Amino acid sequence: MASKSYKRKRNTKIKRSRGSLYKKRKSTGRKVAEVLLLVIVAGALIFVGYSAAGPIISYFKGETSASDEDLSWTPPESSAPEESTSDTEEDTDTGPTPSETQPQASSAGNYVLSEAAMKDTASLAKALAAAKNAGFSRVVLPVKNQPGNLLYKTTVPSVKDSELITGTMTAPQIISIVKSQGLEAAALFPALHDHLTPAYVEDTGYWFADESSAWLDNSPDRGGKRWIDPFRSGTAQFFSSLCAELKSAGFSEILLSDMRFPAFTEYDRTILNGKYFTADRYTALTSLYGKINTAVSGKAAVVITMSDLAAGGGSAEILSDSGFSGTVYLMFDPSSFGNSLKIGDKTVGLPSDPAARSEALLEAASELISTNLTVIPLISSEKLPPNTLADCYEAVSAE
């Protein structure tokens, strides 16, 4: 509101007449009355002059009285300035509100969900809430199981309508649920230990050297199963398609587990191609990893188990390639070990406390893994509650 201004009134000018006085002779009584009247008028003029002199002198001296100050407008008191300050703070505060705050990285690492959590939206939401309450900001979701079933509804043409799919949610639906909890999702993708895919996807399974028959890991009457062959071009194409789909849906990273060869027998040497028994067969594993990693824009990683690392084989065989420089997740379940772990000729004692045991396992593993690799612990257990797993991560991340 604009300030209202006031002007002081100018002093009134009195015009005085210079006409002659009336000189008519007056009576004595009249003269006395005139004298008395003159005295009264003079007294009145003195009083008025005295009263007016003070304010006039003060005015010219620049002094004002209380009544004069009232003539000058001042803005009324209000809360407007405080409201303006508040609005300014809201405008300049670009940070998220508490409900929008994205979860911060904590000592809790990657929480691995169980296959049961992928059953439906309700099961997934419940598992995610448990992970979040325990302080986890990143979850690892199994999108495929070891038999070979896909735990989500893929759109890859070769299998989208097959019985290979047991999941009820699409990849985008899964990501939407995860993000609604304010979490980040990585995909756990069991790769080669897969008994079902070769029956649905061409050029993915092991075959006899003469291509006359599909290879099984045991005789049919003993429950022999098929495996996926890392040398096959169909394997790289199929896995790359699935993983690219997952990455496109919003999974931040694809964790490839079971990147391993079967436990071949001596008899297998007589029926299979000799390339499966060479000292450098691990190059087939790193090559497959490289193709998948390219398909997901460098967001693939390899998962090895603590048991395989200790035994020097299985999923840890890929580490034999000195040129391999990908990210490695070391997966273990603290509750699955006894009081000790045998690593080659060395036996490592393990504490009973899950957190202390995790720390001891990681320390033992560090002596077996090349220093040029990035190794991230992946602690998973269906026997330990989320809070205990968070404690395990805290123990292995403590400096």
Foldseek 3Di string as FASTA:
>chain_A
DDFDADDDDDDDDDDDDPDDDDDDDDDPVVVVVVVVVVVVVVVVVVVVCVVVVVVVVCVVVVHDDPVVVVNGDDDDDDCVVVVVVVVVVVVPPPDDDPVPDAQDDDLFEEAEDDLVCQADLVSVLVVLVQLVVLRDQEYEYEQADLQQAGQAQDPPVQPNPHPSYPHDHHLLVSVVSNVVSSHAYAYEYEAWSYQPVCVRFPQFWFAWAVNPGGDFQDDVVVPTGITGDLQTPSSLVVLLVVLLSNLVSHHQAYEYEQLADDPDDPVSCVTHDCCVPDPVVLVSSLVSQVSSCVSNVNRYEYEDELLCLLVVHGSCVNQVPVPDAGAYEYEDELVVDDQWDHRPPDIFGADPQSQRRLLSSVVVSVVRHDPSYHYHYDYYDPVDRSNSSSSNSSSNPDD
